[in-house]
Amino acid sequence: MSKPKSRKKKSGQFKREIPFYLMLLPALVILIIYSYLPMAGIIMAFQNFRPVLSFANSPFVGLDNFRFVISLPTFQRAFRNTAIIAFWRIVTGLSVPLLLAILLNEVRKKWFARMVQTTIFLPFFLSWAVLGGVVREVFSLGGPVNQVIGIFGGDPIMFMGSNTWFRTILVGTHTWQSMGINLIIFLAAITNIDTGQYEAADIDGCNKLKQVWHITLPGMLPIIILLSTLAIGQLLNAGFEQVLMLYSPIVYETGDILDTLIYRMGLGQQLFSPAAAIGLFRGLLSLVLVGIAYWCAYRFSDYRIF
């Protein structure tokens, strides 16, 4: 008797959820058209692809393209830059919003805290097509940063053409642009902490610093672990749009990443097959990292998609 009832219950639940599936359908169609169907182009990575010959007639070369790109000094440089930039983007993208969330939580004037939160979140809505020009102006030779340096007697620095400073600018401006979303998540995590713990700590004579260390941070630990583990999957995402808007040949040594290398080889030099090989290599490695990230998220914070 239990099985028919269970089937009837599932059938009724499915019927109630039909409107939600219909709402999801347009997004699913777009995902298939623009994300899954273009994956057929992966075959280019194993061919000496020529547009005039098409996929069907281009000669098959096996793993030759992979051997070729791995031997390139530019690939090795781009892979190193991608890992370094992405790593520091993750570190600052989590630590800075965490610190700001703790500080804003201690602000007594709630209107001021909301104003600061809104101001921090605003850059998140702007694309790097806009922010790229702003950053270039700010760090130009005659920009505000160099004017401040000049006030203190220093010489102007060509930040956007310096291999010493370029990575720092990339990481810093990315943190400024994207930290609003993590800030909101951390603030939400703080509001879920039982306020009775803070009241008990006040009675015991704990100061604010001890309360943060022994109550706030442990209470936020599950969401910190979750965001940290999910960030592992972004370890090869160093921000194509941002780098493309800011870099130049002068800073290829420290600013060229896998995505920009693929862009230059594929569209600039028309080396379609080697570019596809780099893209496939990056995609497979990212898939492994995402798998590790979700396993860690499930293992340490019981996070699951389904």
C-alpha atoms as a PDB file:
ATOM      1  CA  MET A   1       0.000   0.000   0.000  1.00  0.00           C
ATOM      2  CA  SER A   2       2.906   2.342   0.704  1.00  0.00           C
ATOM      3  CA  LYS A   3       4.344   2.222  -2.831  1.00  0.00           C
ATOM      4  CA  PRO A   4       1.172   3.442  -4.635  1.00  0.00           C
ATOM      5  CA  LYS A   5       0.779   6.214  -2.070  1.00  0.00           C
ATOM      6  CA  SER A   6       4.406   7.200  -2.501  1.00  0.00           C
ATOM      7  CA  ARG A   7       4.053   7.268  -6.297  1.00  0.00           C
ATOM      8  CA  LYS A   8       0.848   9.297  -6.038  1.00  0.00           C
ATOM      9  CA  LYS A   9       2.542  11.752  -3.704  1.00  0.00           C
ATOM     10  CA  LYS A  10       5.488  12.191  -6.081  1.00  0.00           C
ATOM     11  CA  SER A  11       3.129  12.614  -9.033  1.00  0.00           C
ATOM     12  CA  GLY A  12       1.193  15.316  -7.194  1.00  0.00           C
ATOM     13  CA  GLN A  13       4.428  17.074  -6.229  1.00  0.00           C
ATOM     14  CA  PHE A  14       5.598  17.005  -9.865  1.00  0.00           C
ATOM     15  CA  LYS A  15       2.336  18.548 -11.053  1.00  0.00           C
ATOM     16  CA  ARG A  16       2.675  21.357  -8.506  1.00  0.00           C
ATOM     17  CA  GLU A  17       6.227  22.023  -9.671  1.00  0.00           C
ATOM     18  CA  ILE A  18       5.393  22.161 -13.406  1.00  0.00           C
ATOM     19  CA  PRO A  19       5.190  26.015 -13.414  1.00  0.00           C
ATOM     20  CA  PHE A  20       8.724  26.160 -11.959  1.00  0.00           C
ATOM     21  CA  TYR A  21      10.037  23.800 -14.637  1.00  0.00           C
ATOM     22  CA  LEU A  22       8.417  25.958 -17.313  1.00  0.00           C
ATOM     23  CA  MET A  23      10.083  29.050 -15.830  1.00  0.00           C
ATOM     24  CA  LEU A  24      13.408  27.210 -15.974  1.00  0.00           C
ATOM     25  CA  LEU A  25      12.946  26.104 -19.589  1.00  0.00           C
ATOM     26  CA  PRO A  26      14.080  29.356 -21.357  1.00  0.00           C
ATOM     27  CA  ALA A  27      17.289  29.461 -19.308  1.00  0.00           C
ATOM     28  CA  LEU A  28      17.890  25.782 -20.073  1.00  0.00           C
ATOM     29  CA  VAL A  29      17.442  26.356 -23.802  1.00  0.00           C
ATOM     30  CA  ILE A  30      19.880  29.299 -23.738  1.00  0.00           C
ATOM     31  CA  LEU A  31      22.379  27.195 -21.774  1.00  0.00           C
ATOM     32  CA  ILE A  32      22.188  24.379 -24.322  1.00  0.00           C
ATOM     33  CA  ILE A  33      22.527  26.716 -27.326  1.00  0.00           C
ATOM     34  CA  TYR A  34      25.371  28.888 -26.043  1.00  0.00           C
ATOM     35  CA  SER A  35      27.236  26.528 -23.703  1.00  0.00           C
ATOM     36  CA  TYR A  36      26.737  22.903 -24.754  1.00  0.00           C
ATOM     37  CA  LEU A  37      26.349  23.006 -28.537  1.00  0.00           C
ATOM     38  CA  PRO A  38      29.593  25.021 -29.016  1.00  0.00           C
ATOM     39  CA  MET A  39      31.433  22.223 -27.192  1.00  0.00           C
ATOM     40  CA  ALA A  40      31.458  20.375 -30.522  1.00  0.00           C
ATOM     41  CA  GLY A  41      34.315  22.730 -31.416  1.00  0.00           C
ATOM     42  CA  ILE A  42      36.542  20.798 -29.006  1.00  0.00           C
ATOM     43  CA  ILE A  43      37.453  18.621 -31.986  1.00  0.00           C
ATOM     44  CA  MET A  44      39.649  21.513 -33.182  1.00  0.00           C
ATOM     45  CA  ALA A  45      42.103  20.705 -30.390  1.00  0.00           C
ATOM     46  CA  PHE A  46      42.866  17.394 -32.124  1.00  0.00           C
ATOM     47  CA  GLN A  47      43.005  18.737 -35.683  1.00  0.00           C
ATOM     48  CA  ASN A  48      45.089  21.024 -37.817  1.00  0.00           C
ATOM     49  CA  PHE A  49      41.938  23.057 -38.276  1.00  0.00           C
ATOM     50  CA  ARG A  50      41.465  25.312 -41.287  1.00  0.00           C
ATOM     51  CA  PRO A  51      38.168  27.209 -41.678  1.00  0.00           C
ATOM     52  CA  VAL A  52      38.123  26.618 -45.424  1.00  0.00           C
ATOM     53  CA  LEU A  53      38.304  22.843 -44.853  1.00  0.00           C
ATOM     54  CA  SER A  54      35.682  22.713 -42.054  1.00  0.00           C
ATOM     55  CA  PHE A  55      35.699  20.268 -39.165  1.00  0.00           C
ATOM     56  CA  ALA A  56      35.016  17.295 -41.423  1.00  0.00           C
ATOM     57  CA  ASN A  57      38.009  17.774 -43.749  1.00  0.00           C
ATOM     58  CA  SER A  58      40.666  19.242 -41.436  1.00  0.00           C
ATOM     59  CA  PRO A  59      43.454  16.681 -40.830  1.00  0.00           C
ATOM     60  CA  PHE A  60      43.505  14.874 -37.488  1.00  0.00           C
ATOM     61  CA  VAL A  61      46.796  15.356 -35.578  1.00  0.00           C
ATOM     62  CA  GLY A  62      46.051  13.688 -32.243  1.00  0.00           C
ATOM     63  CA  LEU A  63      47.812  15.273 -29.262  1.00  0.00           C
ATOM     64  CA  ASP A  64      50.307  17.291 -31.341  1.00  0.00           C
ATOM     65  CA  ASN A  65      48.598  20.589 -30.462  1.00  0.00           C
ATOM     66  CA  PHE A  66      48.867  19.841 -26.745  1.00  0.00           C
ATOM     67  CA  ARG A  67      52.564  19.016 -27.049  1.00  0.00           C
ATOM     68  CA  PHE A  68      53.074  22.210 -29.009  1.00  0.00           C
ATOM     69  CA  VAL A  69      51.362  24.556 -26.544  1.00  0.00           C
ATOM     70  CA  ILE A  70      52.927  22.950 -23.461  1.00  0.00           C
ATOM     71  CA  SER A  71      56.361  23.572 -24.955  1.00  0.00           C
ATOM     72  CA  LEU A  72      55.600  27.270 -25.494  1.00  0.00           C
ATOM     73  CA  PRO A  73      57.233  29.656 -22.982  1.00  0.00           C
ATOM     74  CA  THR A  74      54.176  31.908 -23.320  1.00  0.00           C
ATOM     75  CA  PHE A  75      51.898  29.076 -22.165  1.00  0.00           C
ATOM     76  CA  GLN A  76      54.047  28.328 -19.137  1.00  0.00           C
ATOM     77  CA  ARG A  77      54.131  32.028 -18.264  1.00  0.00           C
ATOM     78  CA  ALA A  78      50.374  32.431 -18.711  1.00  0.00           C
ATOM     79  CA  PHE A  79      49.653  29.338 -16.591  1.00  0.00           C
ATOM     80  CA  ARG A  80      51.888  30.643 -13.787  1.00  0.00           C
ATOM     81  CA  ASN A  81      50.320  34.110 -13.926  1.00  0.00           C
ATOM     82  CA  THR A  82      46.803  32.637 -13.927  1.00  0.00           C
ATOM     83  CA  ALA A  83      47.471  30.558 -10.816  1.00  0.00           C
ATOM     84  CA  ILE A  84      49.142  33.422  -8.921  1.00  0.00           C
ATOM     85  CA  ILE A  85      46.537  36.070  -9.781  1.00  0.00           C
ATOM     86  CA  ALA A  86      43.587  33.745  -9.169  1.00  0.00           C
ATOM     87  CA  PHE A  87      45.005  32.599  -5.822  1.00  0.00           C
ATOM     88  CA  TRP A  88      45.407  36.142  -4.497  1.00  0.00           C
ATOM     89  CA  ARG A  89      42.008  37.141  -5.877  1.00  0.00           C
ATOM     90  CA  ILE A  90      40.472  34.355  -3.811  1.00  0.00           C
ATOM     91  CA  VAL A  91      42.449  35.258  -0.662  1.00  0.00           C
ATOM     92  CA  THR A  92      41.627  38.975  -0.759  1.00  0.00           C
ATOM     93  CA  GLY A  93      38.115  38.361  -2.084  1.00  0.00           C
ATOM     94  CA  LEU A  94      37.305  36.436   1.104  1.00  0.00           C
ATOM     95  CA  SER A  95      39.444  38.094   3.769  1.00  0.00           C
ATOM     96  CA  VAL A  96      38.622  41.746   2.996  1.00  0.00           C
ATOM     97  CA  PRO A  97      34.794  41.299   2.972  1.00  0.00           C
ATOM     98  CA  LEU A  98      35.078  39.189   6.138  1.00  0.00           C
ATOM     99  CA  LEU A  99      36.943  41.970   7.945  1.00  0.00           C
ATOM    100  CA  LEU A 100      34.527  44.629   6.678  1.00  0.00           C
ATOM    101  CA  ALA A 101      31.507  42.547   7.727  1.00  0.00           C
ATOM    102  CA  ILE A 102      32.862  42.228  11.272  1.00  0.00           C
ATOM    103  CA  LEU A 103      33.574  45.965  11.436  1.00  0.00           C
ATOM    104  CA  LEU A 104      30.177  46.966  10.030  1.00  0.00           C
ATOM    105  CA  ASN A 105      28.458  44.655  12.497  1.00  0.00           C
ATOM    106  CA  GLU A 106      29.976  46.686  15.334  1.00  0.00           C
ATOM    107  CA  VAL A 107      28.780  50.038  13.962  1.00  0.00           C
ATOM    108  CA  ARG A 108      26.077  51.470  16.226  1.00  0.00           C
ATOM    109  CA  LYS A 109      24.615  53.836  13.626  1.00  0.00           C
ATOM    110  CA  LYS A 110      22.734  51.426  11.395  1.00  0.00           C
ATOM    111  CA  TRP A 111      22.021  54.088   8.767  1.00  0.00           C
ATOM    112  CA  PHE A 112      25.769  54.602   8.402  1.00  0.00           C
ATOM    113  CA  ALA A 113      26.374  50.843   8.127  1.00  0.00           C
ATOM    114  CA  ARG A 114      23.709  50.540   5.397  1.00  0.00           C
ATOM    115  CA  MET A 115      25.180  53.496   3.503  1.00  0.00           C
ATOM    116  CA  VAL A 116      28.673  51.966   3.601  1.00  0.00           C
ATOM    117  CA  GLN A 117      27.318  48.578   2.554  1.00  0.00           C
ATOM    118  CA  THR A 118      25.464  50.090  -0.419  1.00  0.00           C
ATOM    119  CA  THR A 119      28.546  52.092  -1.470  1.00  0.00           C
ATOM    120  CA  ILE A 120      30.736  48.992  -1.351  1.00  0.00           C
ATOM    121  CA  PHE A 121      28.206  46.967  -3.344  1.00  0.00           C
ATOM    122  CA  LEU A 122      27.721  49.504  -6.176  1.00  0.00           C
ATOM    123  CA  PRO A 123      30.884  48.621  -8.207  1.00  0.00           C
ATOM    124  CA  PHE A 124      29.604  45.053  -8.482  1.00  0.00           C
ATOM    125  CA  PHE A 125      26.989  46.238 -11.000  1.00  0.00           C
ATOM    126  CA  LEU A 126      29.549  47.869 -13.306  1.00  0.00           C
ATOM    127  CA  SER A 127      31.354  45.921 -16.039  1.00  0.00           C
ATOM    128  CA  TRP A 128      35.081  46.094 -16.599  1.00  0.00           C
ATOM    129  CA  ALA A 129      34.411  47.866 -19.896  1.00  0.00           C
ATOM    130  CA  VAL A 130      33.539  50.855 -17.675  1.00  0.00           C
ATOM    131  CA  LEU A 131      35.783  50.208 -14.689  1.00  0.00           C
ATOM    132  CA  GLY A 132      38.808  49.549 -16.904  1.00  0.00           C
ATOM    133  CA  GLY A 133      38.841  53.181 -18.059  1.00  0.00           C
ATOM    134  CA  VAL A 134      38.394  54.399 -14.473  1.00  0.00           C
ATOM    135  CA  VAL A 135      41.302  52.303 -13.205  1.00  0.00           C
ATOM    136  CA  ARG A 136      43.543  53.444 -16.053  1.00  0.00           C
ATOM    137  CA  GLU A 137      42.823  57.099 -15.256  1.00  0.00           C
ATOM    138  CA  VAL A 138      43.342  56.650 -11.520  1.00  0.00           C
ATOM    139  CA  PHE A 139      46.725  54.941 -11.962  1.00  0.00           C
ATOM    140  CA  SER A 140      47.939  56.963 -14.964  1.00  0.00           C
ATOM    141  CA  LEU A 141      51.068  59.126 -14.752  1.00  0.00           C
ATOM    142  CA  GLY A 142      48.922  62.210 -14.165  1.00  0.00           C
ATOM    143  CA  GLY A 143      46.245  60.444 -12.154  1.00  0.00           C
ATOM    144  CA  PRO A 144      45.227  60.924  -8.505  1.00  0.00           C
ATOM    145  CA  VAL A 145      47.556  58.219  -7.161  1.00  0.00           C
ATOM    146  CA  ASN A 146      50.663  59.760  -8.735  1.00  0.00           C
ATOM    147  CA  GLN A 147      49.533  63.234  -7.651  1.00  0.00           C
ATOM    148  CA  VAL A 148      49.449  62.038  -4.042  1.00  0.00           C
ATOM    149  CA  ILE A 149      52.897  60.484  -4.490  1.00  0.00           C
ATOM    150  CA  GLY A 150      54.135  63.804  -5.862  1.00  0.00           C
ATOM    151  CA  ILE A 151      52.774  65.684  -2.827  1.00  0.00           C
ATOM    152  CA  PHE A 152      55.021  63.579  -0.605  1.00  0.00           C
ATOM    153  CA  GLY A 153      58.021  64.189  -2.857  1.00  0.00           C
ATOM    154  CA  GLY A 154      58.000  60.898  -4.771  1.00  0.00           C
ATOM    155  CA  ASP A 155      58.519  60.332  -8.474  1.00  0.00           C
ATOM    156  CA  PRO A 156      55.568  59.318 -10.682  1.00  0.00           C
ATOM    157  CA  ILE A 157      55.172  55.585 -11.263  1.00  0.00           C
ATOM    158  CA  MET A 158      53.884  54.060 -14.493  1.00  0.00           C
ATOM    159  CA  PHE A 159      51.659  51.585 -12.670  1.00  0.00           C
ATOM    160  CA  MET A 160      49.907  50.190 -15.735  1.00  0.00           C
ATOM    161  CA  GLY A 161      53.230  49.509 -17.452  1.00  0.00           C
ATOM    162  CA  SER A 162      55.089  48.094 -14.458  1.00  0.00           C
ATOM    163  CA  ASN A 163      55.516  44.361 -13.981  1.00  0.00           C
ATOM    164  CA  THR A 164      56.166  45.102 -10.315  1.00  0.00           C
ATOM    165  CA  TRP A 165      52.765  46.703  -9.721  1.00  0.00           C
ATOM    166  CA  PHE A 166      50.439  45.233 -12.345  1.00  0.00           C
ATOM    167  CA  ARG A 167      49.435  42.069 -10.473  1.00  0.00           C
ATOM    168  CA  THR A 168      48.813  44.095  -7.317  1.00  0.00           C
ATOM    169  CA  ILE A 169      46.530  46.447  -9.247  1.00  0.00           C
ATOM    170  CA  LEU A 170      44.646  43.512 -10.781  1.00  0.00           C
ATOM    171  CA  VAL A 171      44.067  41.843  -7.418  1.00  0.00           C
ATOM    172  CA  GLY A 172      43.267  45.085  -5.586  1.00  0.00           C
ATOM    173  CA  THR A 173      40.797  46.437  -8.131  1.00  0.00           C
ATOM    174  CA  HIS A 174      39.076  43.051  -8.454  1.00  0.00           C
ATOM    175  CA  THR A 175      38.641  42.937  -4.668  1.00  0.00           C
ATOM    176  CA  TRP A 176      37.181  46.450  -4.708  1.00  0.00           C
ATOM    177  CA  GLN A 177      34.794  45.621  -7.552  1.00  0.00           C
ATOM    178  CA  SER A 178      33.517  42.241  -6.345  1.00  0.00           C
ATOM    179  CA  MET A 179      33.678  42.239  -2.547  1.00  0.00           C
ATOM    180  CA  GLY A 180      30.124  43.551  -2.103  1.00  0.00           C
ATOM    181  CA  ILE A 181      28.457  40.174  -2.702  1.00  0.00           C
ATOM    182  CA  ASN A 182      30.625  38.328  -0.161  1.00  0.00           C
ATOM    183  CA  LEU A 183      30.134  41.185   2.279  1.00  0.00           C
ATOM    184  CA  ILE A 184      26.362  40.640   2.179  1.00  0.00           C
ATOM    185  CA  ILE A 185      26.810  36.888   2.673  1.00  0.00           C
ATOM    186  CA  PHE A 186      29.066  37.399   5.690  1.00  0.00           C
ATOM    187  CA  LEU A 187      26.704  39.974   7.215  1.00  0.00           C
ATOM    188  CA  ALA A 188      23.837  37.518   6.798  1.00  0.00           C
ATOM    189  CA  ALA A 189      25.921  34.850   8.543  1.00  0.00           C
ATOM    190  CA  ILE A 190      26.551  37.210  11.472  1.00  0.00           C
ATOM    191  CA  THR A 191      22.841  37.944  11.897  1.00  0.00           C
ATOM    192  CA  ASN A 192      22.219  34.198  12.342  1.00  0.00           C
ATOM    193  CA  ILE A 193      24.442  34.065  15.431  1.00  0.00           C
ATOM    194  CA  ASP A 194      22.498  33.842  18.691  1.00  0.00           C
ATOM    195  CA  THR A 195      22.623  37.287  20.336  1.00  0.00           C
ATOM    196  CA  GLY A 196      22.361  35.590  23.725  1.00  0.00           C
ATOM    197  CA  GLN A 197      25.996  34.565  23.370  1.00  0.00           C
ATOM    198  CA  TYR A 198      27.053  38.212  23.145  1.00  0.00           C
ATOM    199  CA  GLU A 199      24.928  39.107  26.183  1.00  0.00           C
ATOM    200  CA  ALA A 200      26.529  36.305  28.190  1.00  0.00           C
ATOM    201  CA  ALA A 201      29.983  37.448  27.058  1.00  0.00           C
ATOM    202  CA  ASP A 202      29.207  41.029  28.205  1.00  0.00           C
ATOM    203  CA  ILE A 203      28.211  39.731  31.620  1.00  0.00           C
ATOM    204  CA  ASP A 204      31.477  37.772  31.830  1.00  0.00           C
ATOM    205  CA  GLY A 205      33.440  40.941  30.980  1.00  0.00           C
ATOM    206  CA  CYS A 206      34.625  39.986  27.475  1.00  0.00           C
ATOM    207  CA  ASN A 207      35.671  42.904  25.316  1.00  0.00           C
ATOM    208  CA  LYS A 208      34.688  43.280  21.647  1.00  0.00           C
ATOM    209  CA  LEU A 209      37.851  41.677  20.332  1.00  0.00           C
ATOM    210  CA  LYS A 210      37.336  38.537  22.415  1.00  0.00           C
ATOM    211  CA  GLN A 211      33.683  38.388  21.383  1.00  0.00           C
ATOM    212  CA  VAL A 212      34.696  38.504  17.728  1.00  0.00           C
ATOM    213  CA  TRP A 213      37.320  35.801  18.225  1.00  0.00           C
ATOM    214  CA  HIS A 214      35.266  33.425  20.375  1.00  0.00           C
ATOM    215  CA  ILE A 215      31.697  34.060  19.123  1.00  0.00           C
ATOM    216  CA  THR A 216      31.534  35.846  15.749  1.00  0.00           C
ATOM    217  CA  LEU A 217      34.225  33.918  13.871  1.00  0.00           C
ATOM    218  CA  PRO A 218      33.172  30.447  15.155  1.00  0.00           C
ATOM    219  CA  GLY A 219      29.560  31.297  14.279  1.00  0.00           C
ATOM    220  CA  MET A 220      30.607  32.291  10.754  1.00  0.00           C
ATOM    221  CA  LEU A 221      32.929  29.323  10.293  1.00  0.00           C
ATOM    222  CA  PRO A 222      30.514  27.153   8.235  1.00  0.00           C
ATOM    223  CA  ILE A 223      29.923  29.897   5.637  1.00  0.00           C
ATOM    224  CA  ILE A 224      33.645  30.784   5.596  1.00  0.00           C
ATOM    225  CA  ILE A 225      34.513  27.139   4.900  1.00  0.00           C
ATOM    226  CA  LEU A 226      31.796  26.913   2.254  1.00  0.00           C
ATOM    227  CA  LEU A 227      32.920  30.012   0.331  1.00  0.00           C
ATOM    228  CA  SER A 228      36.582  29.000   0.637  1.00  0.00           C
ATOM    229  CA  THR A 229      36.013  25.511  -0.730  1.00  0.00           C
ATOM    230  CA  LEU A 230      33.787  26.723  -3.564  1.00  0.00           C
ATOM    231  CA  ALA A 231      36.509  29.229  -4.481  1.00  0.00           C
ATOM    232  CA  ILE A 232      38.846  26.317  -5.274  1.00  0.00           C
ATOM    233  CA  GLY A 233      36.918  25.843  -8.498  1.00  0.00           C
ATOM    234  CA  GLN A 234      37.896  29.389  -9.543  1.00  0.00           C
ATOM    235  CA  LEU A 235      41.631  28.762  -9.197  1.00  0.00           C
ATOM    236  CA  LEU A 236      42.135  29.072 -12.971  1.00  0.00           C
ATOM    237  CA  ASN A 237      39.801  32.045 -13.370  1.00  0.00           C
ATOM    238  CA  ALA A 238      41.997  35.130 -13.208  1.00  0.00           C
ATOM    239  CA  GLY A 239      39.419  37.483 -14.758  1.00  0.00           C
ATOM    240  CA  PHE A 240      39.562  37.662 -18.543  1.00  0.00           C
ATOM    241  CA  GLU A 241      37.525  40.877 -18.899  1.00  0.00           C
ATOM    242  CA  GLN A 242      39.538  42.744 -16.296  1.00  0.00           C
ATOM    243  CA  VAL A 243      42.936  41.697 -17.649  1.00  0.00           C
ATOM    244  CA  LEU A 244      41.906  42.377 -21.252  1.00  0.00           C
ATOM    245  CA  MET A 245      40.831  45.923 -20.342  1.00  0.00           C
ATOM    246  CA  LEU A 246      43.992  46.720 -18.356  1.00  0.00           C
ATOM    247  CA  TYR A 247      46.982  44.835 -19.740  1.00  0.00           C
ATOM    248  CA  SER A 248      49.395  45.681 -22.549  1.00  0.00           C
ATOM    249  CA  PRO A 249      52.428  43.936 -24.131  1.00  0.00           C
ATOM    250  CA  ILE A 250      54.663  45.695 -21.586  1.00  0.00           C
ATOM    251  CA  VAL A 251      53.147  43.689 -18.713  1.00  0.00           C
ATOM    252  CA  TYR A 252      52.705  40.306 -20.429  1.00  0.00           C
ATOM    253  CA  GLU A 253      55.417  38.956 -18.117  1.00  0.00           C
ATOM    254  CA  THR A 254      53.182  39.274 -15.044  1.00  0.00           C
ATOM    255  CA  GLY A 255      49.711  39.964 -16.478  1.00  0.00           C
ATOM    256  CA  ASP A 256      49.200  37.559 -19.374  1.00  0.00           C
ATOM    257  CA  ILE A 257      46.824  34.733 -18.359  1.00  0.00           C
ATOM    258  CA  LEU A 258      45.483  31.623 -20.092  1.00  0.00           C
ATOM    259  CA  ASP A 259      42.290  33.324 -21.268  1.00  0.00           C
ATOM    260  CA  THR A 260      44.095  36.268 -22.855  1.00  0.00           C
ATOM    261  CA  LEU A 261      46.623  33.898 -24.441  1.00  0.00           C
ATOM    262  CA  ILE A 262      43.757  31.900 -25.973  1.00  0.00           C
ATOM    263  CA  TYR A 263      42.183  35.150 -27.194  1.00  0.00           C
ATOM    264  CA  ARG A 264      45.402  36.332 -28.878  1.00  0.00           C
ATOM    265  CA  MET A 265      46.287  32.969 -30.406  1.00  0.00           C
ATOM    266  CA  GLY A 266      42.789  32.180 -31.628  1.00  0.00           C
ATOM    267  CA  LEU A 267      41.566  35.535 -32.912  1.00  0.00           C
ATOM    268  CA  GLY A 268      44.791  37.483 -33.317  1.00  0.00           C
ATOM    269  CA  GLN A 269      47.170  34.895 -34.762  1.00  0.00           C
ATOM    270  CA  GLN A 270      44.447  32.558 -36.109  1.00  0.00           C
ATOM    271  CA  LEU A 271      46.076  29.537 -34.457  1.00  0.00           C
ATOM    272  CA  PHE A 272      42.700  27.977 -33.875  1.00  0.00           C
ATOM    273  CA  SER A 273      43.797  24.453 -32.972  1.00  0.00           C
ATOM    274  CA  PRO A 274      46.502  25.386 -30.420  1.00  0.00           C
ATOM    275  CA  ALA A 275      44.096  27.899 -28.857  1.00  0.00           C
ATOM    276  CA  ALA A 276      41.419  25.193 -28.632  1.00  0.00           C
ATOM    277  CA  ALA A 277      43.956  22.852 -27.039  1.00  0.00           C
ATOM    278  CA  ILE A 278      44.750  25.419 -24.339  1.00  0.00           C
ATOM    279  CA  GLY A 279      41.048  26.008 -23.792  1.00  0.00           C
ATOM    280  CA  LEU A 280      40.360  22.280 -23.436  1.00  0.00           C
ATOM    281  CA  PHE A 281      43.292  21.861 -21.049  1.00  0.00           C
ATOM    282  CA  ARG A 282      42.032  24.739 -18.932  1.00  0.00           C
ATOM    283  CA  GLY A 283      38.471  23.402 -19.008  1.00  0.00           C
ATOM    284  CA  LEU A 284      39.434  19.885 -17.916  1.00  0.00           C
ATOM    285  CA  LEU A 285      41.626  21.177 -15.110  1.00  0.00           C
ATOM    286  CA  SER A 286      38.863  23.538 -13.989  1.00  0.00           C
ATOM    287  CA  LEU A 287      36.415  20.600 -14.006  1.00  0.00           C
ATOM    288  CA  VAL A 288      38.711  18.670 -11.674  1.00  0.00           C
ATOM    289  CA  LEU A 289      39.057  21.695  -9.376  1.00  0.00           C
ATOM    290  CA  VAL A 290      35.291  22.250  -9.298  1.00  0.00           C
ATOM    291  CA  GLY A 291      34.788  18.584  -8.432  1.00  0.00           C
ATOM    292  CA  ILE A 292      37.306  18.867  -5.592  1.00  0.00           C
ATOM    293  CA  ALA A 293      35.652  22.094  -4.415  1.00  0.00           C
ATOM    294  CA  TYR A 294      32.174  20.582  -4.225  1.00  0.00           C
ATOM    295  CA  TRP A 295      33.487  17.439  -2.529  1.00  0.00           C
ATOM    296  CA  CYS A 296      35.206  19.603   0.081  1.00  0.00           C
ATOM    297  CA  ALA A 297      32.067  21.734   0.483  1.00  0.00           C
ATOM    298  CA  TYR A 298      29.981  18.593   1.069  1.00  0.00           C
ATOM    299  CA  ARG A 299      32.631  17.068   3.351  1.00  0.00           C
ATOM    300  CA  PHE A 300      33.237  20.085   5.592  1.00  0.00           C
ATOM    301  CA  SER A 301      29.996  22.092   5.477  1.00  0.00           C
ATOM    302  CA  ASP A 302      27.367  19.588   4.229  1.00  0.00           C
ATOM    303  CA  TYR A 303      26.729  21.705   1.116  1.00  0.00           C
ATOM    304  CA  ARG A 304      25.104  19.952  -1.824  1.00  0.00           C
ATOM    305  CA  ILE A 305      23.497  21.045  -5.085  1.00  0.00           C
ATOM    306  CA  PHE A 306      20.974  18.220  -5.305  1.00  0.00           C
END
